[in-house]
Amino acid sequence: MSRSDALSSLRLLERPERLILASKSAARRAMLEGAAVPFTVHVADVDEDAIKAQLTDHDAAELAVELARAKALAVSRHHEDAWVLGADQTLAFDGGRVSKAKSLEAARARLAQMRGRSHQLHSGAALARNGQIVWSGVDTATLTMRDFSDSFLDSYLATEGEGLLSCVGSYRLEGMGAQLFEGVEGDYFTVLGLPLSPVLAELRRAGVLMS
């Protein structure tokens, strides 16, 4: 082997594995960027409502994982030899699954119902490669809302606006939504929408990150 061929082979060996995030979530992008993870974004085209309708026997935690797996697979099929990270978050409250509010009026009603009570956020993640799931997992956080006033609720909705409709709980803990709570049990990154530590561990095993 010539010296140039040897150098080319060495560069191929040293080239990091490629990671694609199959999510449009700004919070998930920010988490990966903050952790200095190299990635590109390809939003998964999946019908979440159809998946939820098919999995009515799944609890909220199981559903979060299945949605993450579906997103990872949808993108992985179009990107050979890349690692694809899918993620999703579900909310469990009062014995049932909660979906994103369709309007600010619905968000107001939901938040009024949850104040003074606890609910669970389940953040699921999955890694796929060559159209196959190679890892998936979920982490859960329990959040307790304080008994806030109607005046605060009105001010909160007016300040945050329709951006809340993209959040399953109609709040962002990294924003004014932090004022809704009196206690949070669990990992902060899980609340934001990604079980970051387990994901980073899998990315190290995959060769996307240095071990």
N, C-alpha and C. Protein backbone atom coordinates (compact mmCIF):
# COMPACT_ATOMS: atom_id res chain seq x y z
N MET A 1 0.86 -1.21 0.00
CA MET A 1 0.00 0.00 0.00
C MET A 1 0.88 1.24 0.00
N SER A 2 0.56 2.19 -0.86
CA SER A 2 1.34 3.42 -0.92
C SER A 2 1.05 4.28 0.30
N ARG A 3 1.92 5.29 0.49
CA ARG A 3 1.76 6.18 1.64
C ARG A 3 0.44 6.95 1.54
N SER A 4 0.06 7.39 0.33
CA SER A 4 -1.19 8.14 0.15
C SER A 4 -2.40 7.26 0.45
N ASP A 5 -2.32 5.97 0.03
CA ASP A 5 -3.43 5.06 0.31
C ASP A 5 -3.56 4.82 1.81
N ALA A 6 -2.43 4.71 2.47
CA ALA A 6 -2.44 4.49 3.92
C ALA A 6 -3.05 5.68 4.64
N LEU A 7 -2.71 6.89 4.19
CA LEU A 7 -3.25 8.09 4.81
C LEU A 7 -4.76 8.19 4.57
N SER A 8 -5.20 7.81 3.37
CA SER A 8 -6.63 7.83 3.06
C SER A 8 -7.40 6.84 3.94
N SER A 9 -6.82 5.67 4.14
CA SER A 9 -7.45 4.67 4.99
C SER A 9 -7.53 5.16 6.43
N LEU A 10 -6.47 5.82 6.88
CA LEU A 10 -6.45 6.34 8.24
C LEU A 10 -7.52 7.40 8.43
N ARG A 11 -7.69 8.26 7.43
CA ARG A 11 -8.72 9.30 7.54
C ARG A 11 -10.12 8.68 7.62
N LEU A 12 -10.35 7.61 6.86
CA LEU A 12 -11.65 6.95 6.90
C LEU A 12 -11.90 6.35 8.27
N LEU A 13 -10.83 5.78 8.87
CA LEU A 13 -10.97 5.19 10.19
C LEU A 13 -11.25 6.25 11.25
N GLU A 14 -10.67 7.44 11.06
CA GLU A 14 -10.82 8.49 12.05
C GLU A 14 -12.10 9.31 11.86
N ARG A 15 -12.75 9.16 10.72
CA ARG A 15 -13.94 9.94 10.45
C ARG A 15 -15.07 9.53 11.40
N PRO A 16 -15.67 10.47 12.13
CA PRO A 16 -16.73 10.11 13.07
C PRO A 16 -17.98 9.63 12.36
N GLU A 17 -18.75 8.83 13.07
CA GLU A 17 -20.02 8.39 12.53
C GLU A 17 -20.96 9.58 12.40
N ARG A 18 -21.87 9.51 11.43
CA ARG A 18 -22.78 10.61 11.15
C ARG A 18 -24.07 10.43 11.93
N LEU A 19 -24.57 11.53 12.54
CA LEU A 19 -25.81 11.49 13.31
C LEU A 19 -26.83 12.44 12.70
N ILE A 20 -28.07 11.94 12.57
CA ILE A 20 -29.19 12.76 12.11
C ILE A 20 -30.24 12.80 13.20
N LEU A 21 -30.70 13.98 13.54
CA LEU A 21 -31.79 14.15 14.49
C LEU A 21 -33.11 14.19 13.72
N ALA A 22 -33.99 13.25 14.01
CA ALA A 22 -35.27 13.16 13.30
C ALA A 22 -36.35 13.89 14.10
N SER A 23 -36.11 15.17 14.36
CA SER A 23 -37.04 15.95 15.17
C SER A 23 -36.94 17.41 14.81
N LYS A 24 -38.06 18.11 14.86
CA LYS A 24 -38.08 19.56 14.62
C LYS A 24 -38.02 20.36 15.91
N SER A 25 -37.90 19.68 17.04
CA SER A 25 -37.91 20.34 18.34
C SER A 25 -36.69 21.23 18.53
N ALA A 26 -36.94 22.50 18.79
CA ALA A 26 -35.83 23.43 19.06
C ALA A 26 -35.12 23.08 20.36
N ALA A 27 -35.87 22.57 21.34
CA ALA A 27 -35.26 22.21 22.62
C ALA A 27 -34.29 21.05 22.46
N ARG A 28 -34.66 20.06 21.64
CA ARG A 28 -33.76 18.92 21.44
C ARG A 28 -32.51 19.34 20.67
N ARG A 29 -32.68 20.19 19.69
CA ARG A 29 -31.52 20.71 18.97
C ARG A 29 -30.59 21.45 19.93
N ALA A 30 -31.16 22.27 20.78
CA ALA A 30 -30.36 23.04 21.72
C ALA A 30 -29.61 22.14 22.69
N MET A 31 -30.24 21.06 23.13
CA MET A 31 -29.57 20.13 24.05
C MET A 31 -28.36 19.47 23.39
N LEU A 32 -28.54 19.00 22.16
CA LEU A 32 -27.43 18.35 21.46
C LEU A 32 -26.32 19.35 21.15
N GLU A 33 -26.71 20.54 20.73
CA GLU A 33 -25.71 21.57 20.45
C GLU A 33 -24.95 21.95 21.71
N GLY A 34 -25.68 22.07 22.83
CA GLY A 34 -25.04 22.41 24.09
C GLY A 34 -24.07 21.34 24.55
N ALA A 35 -24.35 20.09 24.21
CA ALA A 35 -23.46 18.98 24.57
C ALA A 35 -22.36 18.75 23.53
N ALA A 36 -22.26 19.65 22.55
CA ALA A 36 -21.24 19.58 21.50
C ALA A 36 -21.33 18.29 20.69
N VAL A 37 -22.57 17.87 20.40
CA VAL A 37 -22.80 16.68 19.57
C VAL A 37 -22.95 17.12 18.12
N PRO A 38 -22.14 16.58 17.20
CA PRO A 38 -22.30 16.94 15.78
C PRO A 38 -23.51 16.22 15.17
N PHE A 39 -24.38 16.96 14.51
CA PHE A 39 -25.56 16.33 13.93
C PHE A 39 -26.15 17.24 12.85
N THR A 40 -26.97 16.62 12.02
CA THR A 40 -27.80 17.36 11.09
C THR A 40 -29.25 17.02 11.41
N VAL A 41 -30.18 17.75 10.80
CA VAL A 41 -31.60 17.55 11.10
C VAL A 41 -32.34 17.11 9.85
N HIS A 42 -33.16 16.09 10.01
CA HIS A 42 -34.10 15.65 8.97
C HIS A 42 -35.39 15.31 9.70
N VAL A 43 -36.37 16.19 9.58
CA VAL A 43 -37.62 15.99 10.32
C VAL A 43 -38.36 14.77 9.79
N ALA A 44 -38.78 13.91 10.70
CA ALA A 44 -39.48 12.69 10.32
C ALA A 44 -40.90 12.99 9.88
N ASP A 45 -41.32 12.34 8.81
CA ASP A 45 -42.68 12.50 8.29
C ASP A 45 -43.50 11.29 8.75
N VAL A 46 -44.06 11.40 9.95
CA VAL A 46 -44.88 10.31 10.49
C VAL A 46 -46.22 10.89 10.94
N ASP A 47 -47.24 10.07 10.87
CA ASP A 47 -48.58 10.47 11.30
C ASP A 47 -48.73 10.08 12.77
N GLU A 48 -48.43 11.01 13.65
CA GLU A 48 -48.45 10.71 15.08
C GLU A 48 -49.86 10.34 15.55
N ASP A 49 -50.86 11.02 15.03
CA ASP A 49 -52.23 10.73 15.46
C ASP A 49 -52.63 9.30 15.09
N ALA A 50 -52.19 8.85 13.91
CA ALA A 50 -52.51 7.48 13.49
C ALA A 50 -51.83 6.46 14.40
N ILE A 51 -50.57 6.75 14.75
CA ILE A 51 -49.84 5.84 15.65
C ILE A 51 -50.52 5.77 17.01
N LYS A 52 -50.92 6.93 17.53
CA LYS A 52 -51.59 6.96 18.83
C LYS A 52 -52.91 6.20 18.77
N ALA A 53 -53.63 6.32 17.66
CA ALA A 53 -54.91 5.62 17.52
C ALA A 53 -54.73 4.11 17.50
N GLN A 54 -53.59 3.65 16.94
CA GLN A 54 -53.31 2.22 16.87
C GLN A 54 -52.81 1.65 18.20
N LEU A 55 -52.28 2.52 19.06
CA LEU A 55 -51.64 2.05 20.29
C LEU A 55 -52.42 2.50 21.53
N THR A 56 -53.72 2.36 21.47
CA THR A 56 -54.54 2.78 22.60
C THR A 56 -54.30 1.93 23.85
N ASP A 57 -53.74 0.73 23.66
CA ASP A 57 -53.46 -0.14 24.80
C ASP A 57 -52.11 0.16 25.44
N HIS A 58 -51.34 1.08 24.86
CA HIS A 58 -50.05 1.46 25.42
C HIS A 58 -50.23 2.58 26.43
N ASP A 59 -49.45 2.52 27.52
CA ASP A 59 -49.47 3.65 28.45
C ASP A 59 -48.60 4.77 27.89
N ALA A 60 -48.56 5.89 28.57
CA ALA A 60 -47.87 7.07 28.04
C ALA A 60 -46.38 6.83 27.85
N ALA A 61 -45.74 6.11 28.76
CA ALA A 61 -44.31 5.83 28.63
C ALA A 61 -44.02 4.96 27.42
N GLU A 62 -44.82 3.91 27.23
CA GLU A 62 -44.64 3.02 26.08
C GLU A 62 -44.89 3.78 24.78
N LEU A 63 -45.86 4.67 24.78
CA LEU A 63 -46.17 5.43 23.58
C LEU A 63 -45.01 6.35 23.20
N ALA A 64 -44.37 6.97 24.18
CA ALA A 64 -43.24 7.85 23.89
C ALA A 64 -42.13 7.10 23.17
N VAL A 65 -41.88 5.86 23.60
CA VAL A 65 -40.83 5.05 22.95
C VAL A 65 -41.25 4.67 21.54
N GLU A 66 -42.50 4.26 21.36
CA GLU A 66 -42.95 3.84 20.03
C GLU A 66 -42.93 5.00 19.03
N LEU A 67 -43.29 6.19 19.48
CA LEU A 67 -43.23 7.35 18.59
C LEU A 67 -41.79 7.69 18.23
N ALA A 68 -40.89 7.58 19.21
CA ALA A 68 -39.47 7.83 18.94
C ALA A 68 -38.93 6.82 17.94
N ARG A 69 -39.30 5.56 18.09
CA ARG A 69 -38.85 4.51 17.18
C ARG A 69 -39.39 4.76 15.76
N ALA A 70 -40.65 5.14 15.66
CA ALA A 70 -41.25 5.40 14.34
C ALA A 70 -40.53 6.53 13.63
N LYS A 71 -40.18 7.58 14.35
CA LYS A 71 -39.48 8.71 13.74
C LYS A 71 -38.08 8.32 13.30
N ALA A 72 -37.38 7.59 14.16
CA ALA A 72 -36.02 7.17 13.80
C ALA A 72 -36.03 6.28 12.55
N LEU A 73 -36.97 5.34 12.48
CA LEU A 73 -37.05 4.44 11.33
C LEU A 73 -37.43 5.18 10.05
N ALA A 74 -38.35 6.13 10.16
CA ALA A 74 -38.81 6.85 8.98
C ALA A 74 -37.67 7.58 8.29
N VAL A 75 -36.74 8.11 9.06
CA VAL A 75 -35.60 8.83 8.48
C VAL A 75 -34.47 7.87 8.12
N SER A 76 -34.27 6.85 8.93
CA SER A 76 -33.17 5.92 8.70
C SER A 76 -33.28 5.22 7.35
N ARG A 77 -34.49 4.95 6.91
CA ARG A 77 -34.69 4.24 5.65
C ARG A 77 -34.16 5.04 4.45
N HIS A 78 -33.98 6.32 4.62
CA HIS A 78 -33.51 7.18 3.53
C HIS A 78 -32.06 7.63 3.70
N HIS A 79 -31.40 7.18 4.77
CA HIS A 79 -30.03 7.62 5.02
C HIS A 79 -29.20 6.41 5.47
N GLU A 80 -28.69 5.68 4.52
CA GLU A 80 -27.89 4.50 4.83
C GLU A 80 -26.60 4.90 5.56
N ASP A 81 -26.22 4.06 6.49
CA ASP A 81 -24.96 4.19 7.23
C ASP A 81 -24.92 5.40 8.16
N ALA A 82 -26.02 6.10 8.33
CA ALA A 82 -26.07 7.19 9.32
C ALA A 82 -26.82 6.69 10.55
N TRP A 83 -26.45 7.22 11.69
CA TRP A 83 -27.21 6.97 12.91
C TRP A 83 -28.33 8.01 12.98
N VAL A 84 -29.53 7.56 13.26
CA VAL A 84 -30.68 8.46 13.30
C VAL A 84 -31.29 8.43 14.70
N LEU A 85 -31.44 9.61 15.29
CA LEU A 85 -32.01 9.73 16.63
C LEU A 85 -33.44 10.25 16.54
N GLY A 86 -34.37 9.43 16.98
CA GLY A 86 -35.76 9.84 17.07
C GLY A 86 -36.12 10.08 18.52
N ALA A 87 -37.04 10.99 18.77
CA ALA A 87 -37.43 11.31 20.14
C ALA A 87 -38.86 11.79 20.19
N ASP A 88 -39.50 11.55 21.31
CA ASP A 88 -40.85 12.06 21.51
C ASP A 88 -41.13 12.13 23.01
N GLN A 89 -42.11 12.94 23.35
CA GLN A 89 -42.46 13.11 24.76
C GLN A 89 -43.97 13.00 24.93
N THR A 90 -44.39 12.31 25.98
CA THR A 90 -45.80 12.18 26.29
C THR A 90 -46.05 12.62 27.73
N LEU A 91 -47.29 12.95 28.01
CA LEU A 91 -47.67 13.42 29.35
C LEU A 91 -48.79 12.55 29.88
N ALA A 92 -48.62 12.09 31.11
CA ALA A 92 -49.65 11.30 31.78
C ALA A 92 -50.22 12.10 32.95
N PHE A 93 -51.54 12.20 32.96
CA PHE A 93 -52.20 12.96 34.02
C PHE A 93 -53.55 12.35 34.34
N ASP A 94 -53.82 12.19 35.62
CA ASP A 94 -55.14 11.73 36.08
C ASP A 94 -55.52 10.40 35.43
N GLY A 95 -54.53 9.52 35.26
CA GLY A 95 -54.80 8.18 34.74
C GLY A 95 -54.90 8.08 33.23
N GLY A 96 -54.63 9.16 32.50
CA GLY A 96 -54.74 9.10 31.04
C GLY A 96 -53.60 9.81 30.34
N ARG A 97 -53.58 9.70 29.01
CA ARG A 97 -52.58 10.36 28.19
C ARG A 97 -53.11 11.72 27.76
N VAL A 98 -52.22 12.71 27.77
CA VAL A 98 -52.59 14.07 27.41
C VAL A 98 -51.91 14.45 26.10
N SER A 99 -52.66 15.02 25.17
CA SER A 99 -52.11 15.47 23.89
C SER A 99 -51.91 16.98 23.91
N LYS A 100 -51.23 17.49 22.89
CA LYS A 100 -51.01 18.93 22.79
C LYS A 100 -52.35 19.65 22.62
N ALA A 101 -52.45 20.82 23.24
CA ALA A 101 -53.66 21.62 23.12
C ALA A 101 -53.78 22.17 21.71
N LYS A 102 -55.00 22.24 21.21
CA LYS A 102 -55.25 22.73 19.85
C LYS A 102 -55.44 24.25 19.81
N SER A 103 -55.68 24.86 20.96
CA SER A 103 -55.91 26.30 21.03
C SER A 103 -55.47 26.80 22.40
N LEU A 104 -55.32 28.12 22.53
CA LEU A 104 -54.96 28.70 23.82
C LEU A 104 -56.09 28.50 24.84
N GLU A 105 -57.33 28.47 24.37
CA GLU A 105 -58.44 28.21 25.26
C GLU A 105 -58.34 26.80 25.85
N ALA A 106 -57.98 25.84 24.99
CA ALA A 106 -57.80 24.47 25.48
C ALA A 106 -56.60 24.38 26.41
N ALA A 107 -55.54 25.12 26.10
CA ALA A 107 -54.36 25.14 26.98
C ALA A 107 -54.72 25.71 28.35
N ARG A 108 -55.52 26.75 28.36
CA ARG A 108 -55.93 27.36 29.63
C ARG A 108 -56.73 26.36 30.47
N ALA A 109 -57.66 25.67 29.83
CA ALA A 109 -58.48 24.70 30.55
C ALA A 109 -57.62 23.56 31.10
N ARG A 110 -56.65 23.10 30.31
CA ARG A 110 -55.79 22.01 30.76
C ARG A 110 -54.92 22.44 31.94
N LEU A 111 -54.32 23.61 31.85
CA LEU A 111 -53.47 24.09 32.94
C LEU A 111 -54.28 24.33 34.20
N ALA A 112 -55.49 24.84 34.06
CA ALA A 112 -56.34 25.04 35.23
C ALA A 112 -56.68 23.70 35.88
N GLN A 113 -56.84 22.68 35.07
CA GLN A 113 -57.14 21.35 35.59
C GLN A 113 -55.93 20.75 36.32
N MET A 114 -54.73 21.04 35.84
CA MET A 114 -53.52 20.43 36.41
C MET A 114 -52.94 21.19 37.59
N ARG A 115 -53.38 22.44 37.82
CA ARG A 115 -52.77 23.21 38.90
C ARG A 115 -53.05 22.58 40.26
N GLY A 116 -52.02 22.63 41.10
CA GLY A 116 -52.11 22.02 42.41
C GLY A 116 -51.97 20.51 42.41
N ARG A 117 -51.68 19.92 41.25
CA ARG A 117 -51.61 18.46 41.12
C ARG A 117 -50.32 18.07 40.39
N SER A 118 -50.03 16.78 40.40
CA SER A 118 -48.81 16.26 39.77
C SER A 118 -49.14 15.54 38.47
N HIS A 119 -48.17 15.53 37.56
CA HIS A 119 -48.27 14.76 36.33
C HIS A 119 -46.88 14.24 35.96
N GLN A 120 -46.85 13.34 35.01
CA GLN A 120 -45.58 12.73 34.59
C GLN A 120 -45.28 13.06 33.13
N LEU A 121 -44.03 13.41 32.88
CA LEU A 121 -43.53 13.56 31.52
C LEU A 121 -42.63 12.37 31.20
N HIS A 122 -42.90 11.72 30.07
CA HIS A 122 -42.09 10.58 29.62
C HIS A 122 -41.37 10.99 28.33
N SER A 123 -40.05 10.99 28.37
CA SER A 123 -39.25 11.33 27.19
C SER A 123 -38.62 10.06 26.63
N GLY A 124 -39.06 9.69 25.43
CA GLY A 124 -38.54 8.50 24.77
C GLY A 124 -37.53 8.86 23.70
N ALA A 125 -36.60 7.96 23.44
CA ALA A 125 -35.59 8.16 22.40
C ALA A 125 -35.26 6.83 21.76
N ALA A 126 -34.82 6.87 20.50
CA ALA A 126 -34.45 5.65 19.79
C ALA A 126 -33.36 5.97 18.77
N LEU A 127 -32.45 5.05 18.62
CA LEU A 127 -31.40 5.15 17.60
C LEU A 127 -31.61 4.07 16.55
N ALA A 128 -31.56 4.48 15.29
CA ALA A 128 -31.71 3.53 14.18
C ALA A 128 -30.51 3.65 13.24
N ARG A 129 -30.24 2.55 12.55
CA ARG A 129 -29.19 2.54 11.54
C ARG A 129 -29.60 1.55 10.46
N ASN A 130 -29.51 1.99 9.21
CA ASN A 130 -29.87 1.14 8.08
C ASN A 130 -31.26 0.53 8.22
N GLY A 131 -32.21 1.35 8.67
CA GLY A 131 -33.59 0.90 8.75
C GLY A 131 -33.90 -0.06 9.87
N GLN A 132 -33.02 -0.13 10.88
CA GLN A 132 -33.24 -1.02 12.02
C GLN A 132 -33.03 -0.27 13.32
N ILE A 133 -33.90 -0.51 14.30
CA ILE A 133 -33.71 0.08 15.62
C ILE A 133 -32.61 -0.68 16.34
N VAL A 134 -31.63 0.04 16.85
CA VAL A 134 -30.53 -0.60 17.58
C VAL A 134 -30.59 -0.30 19.08
N TRP A 135 -31.35 0.73 19.45
CA TRP A 135 -31.51 1.05 20.88
C TRP A 135 -32.72 1.95 21.06
N SER A 136 -33.40 1.77 22.17
CA SER A 136 -34.47 2.69 22.54
C SER A 136 -34.61 2.71 24.05
N GLY A 137 -35.12 3.81 24.57
CA GLY A 137 -35.28 3.93 26.01
C GLY A 137 -36.19 5.08 26.36
N VAL A 138 -36.56 5.17 27.63
CA VAL A 138 -37.45 6.23 28.10
C VAL A 138 -37.06 6.62 29.52
N ASP A 139 -37.26 7.88 29.85
CA ASP A 139 -37.05 8.35 31.21
C ASP A 139 -38.25 9.19 31.62
N THR A 140 -38.54 9.21 32.91
CA THR A 140 -39.75 9.86 33.41
C THR A 140 -39.42 10.89 34.48
N ALA A 141 -40.11 12.01 34.43
CA ALA A 141 -40.01 13.05 35.46
C ALA A 141 -41.42 13.35 35.98
N THR A 142 -41.53 13.62 37.27
CA THR A 142 -42.80 13.98 37.88
C THR A 142 -42.77 15.46 38.26
N LEU A 143 -43.76 16.19 37.80
CA LEU A 143 -43.83 17.63 38.03
C LEU A 143 -45.10 17.97 38.79
N THR A 144 -44.97 18.83 39.78
CA THR A 144 -46.11 19.26 40.58
C THR A 144 -46.33 20.74 40.38
N MET A 145 -47.52 21.09 39.88
CA MET A 145 -47.85 22.49 39.68
C MET A 145 -48.33 23.12 40.98
N ARG A 146 -47.99 24.39 41.15
CA ARG A 146 -48.49 25.13 42.32
C ARG A 146 -49.93 25.57 42.05
N ASP A 147 -50.59 26.03 43.08
CA ASP A 147 -51.98 26.47 42.95
C ASP A 147 -51.99 27.94 42.54
N PHE A 148 -51.59 28.19 41.28
CA PHE A 148 -51.48 29.56 40.79
C PHE A 148 -52.87 30.19 40.58
N SER A 149 -52.88 31.52 40.56
CA SER A 149 -54.13 32.26 40.43
C SER A 149 -54.59 32.32 38.98
N ASP A 150 -55.85 32.62 38.79
CA ASP A 150 -56.37 32.83 37.43
C ASP A 150 -55.67 34.01 36.77
N SER A 151 -55.35 35.03 37.55
CA SER A 151 -54.67 36.20 37.00
C SER A 151 -53.30 35.83 36.46
N PHE A 152 -52.57 35.00 37.22
CA PHE A 152 -51.27 34.55 36.72
C PHE A 152 -51.43 33.73 35.46
N LEU A 153 -52.41 32.85 35.43
CA LEU A 153 -52.63 32.00 34.26
C LEU A 153 -52.91 32.85 33.02
N ASP A 154 -53.73 33.87 33.18
CA ASP A 154 -54.03 34.75 32.05
C ASP A 154 -52.78 35.48 31.57
N SER A 155 -51.97 35.96 32.52
CA SER A 155 -50.73 36.65 32.18
C SER A 155 -49.75 35.71 31.49
N TYR A 156 -49.67 34.49 31.98
CA TYR A 156 -48.78 33.48 31.40
C TYR A 156 -49.15 33.18 29.95
N LEU A 157 -50.42 32.96 29.69
CA LEU A 157 -50.87 32.65 28.33
C LEU A 157 -50.65 33.83 27.39
N ALA A 158 -50.88 35.03 27.88
CA ALA A 158 -50.69 36.21 27.05
C ALA A 158 -49.21 36.40 26.72
N THR A 159 -48.34 36.09 27.66
CA THR A 159 -46.90 36.27 27.45
C THR A 159 -46.32 35.21 26.52
N GLU A 160 -46.68 33.97 26.75
CA GLU A 160 -46.11 32.86 25.99
C GLU A 160 -46.77 32.67 24.63
N GLY A 161 -48.05 32.92 24.54
CA GLY A 161 -48.74 32.87 23.25
C GLY A 161 -48.85 31.48 22.65
N GLU A 162 -49.04 31.45 21.33
CA GLU A 162 -49.34 30.19 20.65
C GLU A 162 -48.16 29.24 20.56
N GLY A 163 -46.98 29.70 20.95
CA GLY A 163 -45.85 28.78 21.01
C GLY A 163 -46.10 27.64 21.98
N LEU A 164 -47.00 27.84 22.95
CA LEU A 164 -47.34 26.80 23.91
C LEU A 164 -48.03 25.62 23.26
N LEU A 165 -48.62 25.83 22.09
CA LEU A 165 -49.38 24.76 21.44
C LEU A 165 -48.46 23.67 20.89
N SER A 166 -47.16 23.95 20.81
CA SER A 166 -46.21 22.94 20.35
C SER A 166 -45.65 22.11 21.49
N CYS A 167 -46.07 22.42 22.72
CA CYS A 167 -45.57 21.72 23.92
C CYS A 167 -46.68 20.84 24.48
N VAL A 168 -46.36 19.61 24.79
CA VAL A 168 -47.38 18.66 25.21
C VAL A 168 -48.06 19.10 26.50
N GLY A 169 -47.38 19.81 27.38
CA GLY A 169 -47.99 20.25 28.62
C GLY A 169 -48.41 21.70 28.61
N SER A 170 -48.29 22.35 27.46
CA SER A 170 -48.58 23.79 27.32
C SER A 170 -47.67 24.62 28.21
N TYR A 171 -46.43 24.19 28.35
CA TYR A 171 -45.44 24.97 29.08
C TYR A 171 -44.04 24.62 28.60
N ARG A 172 -43.12 25.55 28.82
CA ARG A 172 -41.70 25.32 28.59
C ARG A 172 -40.99 25.62 29.90
N LEU A 173 -40.37 24.62 30.50
CA LEU A 173 -39.72 24.82 31.79
C LEU A 173 -38.55 25.79 31.67
N GLU A 174 -37.99 25.91 30.47
CA GLU A 174 -36.87 26.83 30.26
C GLU A 174 -37.35 28.26 30.04
N GLY A 175 -38.65 28.48 30.11
CA GLY A 175 -39.22 29.82 29.94
C GLY A 175 -40.05 30.20 31.15
N MET A 176 -41.06 31.02 30.94
CA MET A 176 -41.93 31.46 32.02
C MET A 176 -42.68 30.30 32.67
N GLY A 177 -42.75 29.19 31.95
CA GLY A 177 -43.41 28.00 32.49
C GLY A 177 -42.80 27.51 33.78
N ALA A 178 -41.56 27.88 34.07
CA ALA A 178 -40.93 27.49 35.34
C ALA A 178 -41.73 28.00 36.53
N GLN A 179 -42.44 29.12 36.33
CA GLN A 179 -43.21 29.71 37.42
C GLN A 179 -44.50 28.94 37.73
N LEU A 180 -44.83 27.97 36.91
CA LEU A 180 -46.03 27.18 37.15
C LEU A 180 -45.85 26.14 38.24
N PHE A 181 -44.61 25.84 38.59
CA PHE A 181 -44.34 24.64 39.39
C PHE A 181 -43.83 24.93 40.79
N GLU A 182 -44.17 24.01 41.68
CA GLU A 182 -43.61 24.05 43.03
C GLU A 182 -42.59 22.94 43.25
N GLY A 183 -42.54 21.96 42.34
CA GLY A 183 -41.56 20.90 42.48
C GLY A 183 -41.40 20.07 41.22
N VAL A 184 -40.16 19.63 40.98
CA VAL A 184 -39.85 18.76 39.84
C VAL A 184 -38.97 17.62 40.34
N GLU A 185 -39.39 16.40 40.09
CA GLU A 185 -38.61 15.22 40.46
C GLU A 185 -38.17 14.51 39.19
N GLY A 186 -36.88 14.50 38.96
CA GLY A 186 -36.37 13.85 37.76
C GLY A 186 -35.35 14.70 37.06
N ASP A 187 -34.89 14.20 35.93
CA ASP A 187 -33.81 14.85 35.18
C ASP A 187 -34.35 16.05 34.40
N TYR A 188 -33.61 17.15 34.45
CA TYR A 188 -34.02 18.38 33.78
C TYR A 188 -34.13 18.17 32.27
N PHE A 189 -33.18 17.44 31.68
CA PHE A 189 -33.20 17.21 30.25
C PHE A 189 -34.41 16.37 29.83
N THR A 190 -34.82 15.46 30.71
CA THR A 190 -36.02 14.66 30.43
C THR A 190 -37.24 15.56 30.34
N VAL A 191 -37.32 16.56 31.22
CA VAL A 191 -38.43 17.51 31.18
C VAL A 191 -38.41 18.28 29.86
N LEU A 192 -37.20 18.61 29.36
CA LEU A 192 -37.10 19.36 28.12
C LEU A 192 -37.42 18.51 26.89
N GLY A 193 -37.38 17.17 27.04
CA GLY A 193 -37.81 16.34 25.92
C GLY A 193 -36.84 15.30 25.41
N LEU A 194 -35.74 15.06 26.16
CA LEU A 194 -34.77 14.06 25.71
C LEU A 194 -34.04 13.47 26.92
N PRO A 195 -34.00 12.13 27.05
CA PRO A 195 -33.20 11.51 28.11
C PRO A 195 -31.71 11.59 27.72
N LEU A 196 -31.12 12.76 27.95
CA LEU A 196 -29.84 13.09 27.34
C LEU A 196 -28.71 12.16 27.75
N SER A 197 -28.57 11.86 29.02
CA SER A 197 -27.43 11.03 29.46
C SER A 197 -27.43 9.64 28.82
N PRO A 198 -28.57 8.91 28.81
CA PRO A 198 -28.58 7.63 28.10
C PRO A 198 -28.30 7.77 26.61
N VAL A 199 -28.81 8.83 25.99
CA VAL A 199 -28.56 9.05 24.57
C VAL A 199 -27.08 9.27 24.32
N LEU A 200 -26.44 10.08 25.14
CA LEU A 200 -25.00 10.33 24.96
C LEU A 200 -24.20 9.05 25.13
N ALA A 201 -24.61 8.21 26.07
CA ALA A 201 -23.92 6.93 26.28
C ALA A 201 -24.02 6.06 25.03
N GLU A 202 -25.20 6.02 24.41
CA GLU A 202 -25.36 5.22 23.20
C GLU A 202 -24.59 5.81 22.03
N LEU A 203 -24.50 7.14 21.97
CA LEU A 203 -23.74 7.77 20.89
C LEU A 203 -22.25 7.49 21.04
N ARG A 204 -21.79 7.34 22.26
CA ARG A 204 -20.38 6.95 22.45
C ARG A 204 -20.16 5.51 21.98
N ARG A 205 -21.10 4.63 22.29
CA ARG A 205 -20.98 3.25 21.83
C ARG A 205 -21.02 3.17 20.31
N ALA A 206 -21.81 4.06 19.70
CA ALA A 206 -21.96 4.05 18.25
C ALA A 206 -20.77 4.68 17.53
N GLY A 207 -19.91 5.37 18.26
CA GLY A 207 -18.77 6.01 17.63
C GLY A 207 -19.05 7.42 17.15
N VAL A 208 -20.24 7.94 17.45
CA VAL A 208 -20.55 9.33 17.09
C VAL A 208 -19.76 10.28 17.99
N LEU A 209 -19.60 9.89 19.25
CA LEU A 209 -18.83 10.67 20.22
C LEU A 209 -17.65 9.87 20.71
N MET A 210 -16.63 10.56 21.16
CA MET A 210 -15.45 9.88 21.72
C MET A 210 -15.81 9.24 23.05
N SER A 211 -15.26 8.06 23.29
CA SER A 211 -15.51 7.35 24.55
C SER A 211 -14.53 7.81 25.61
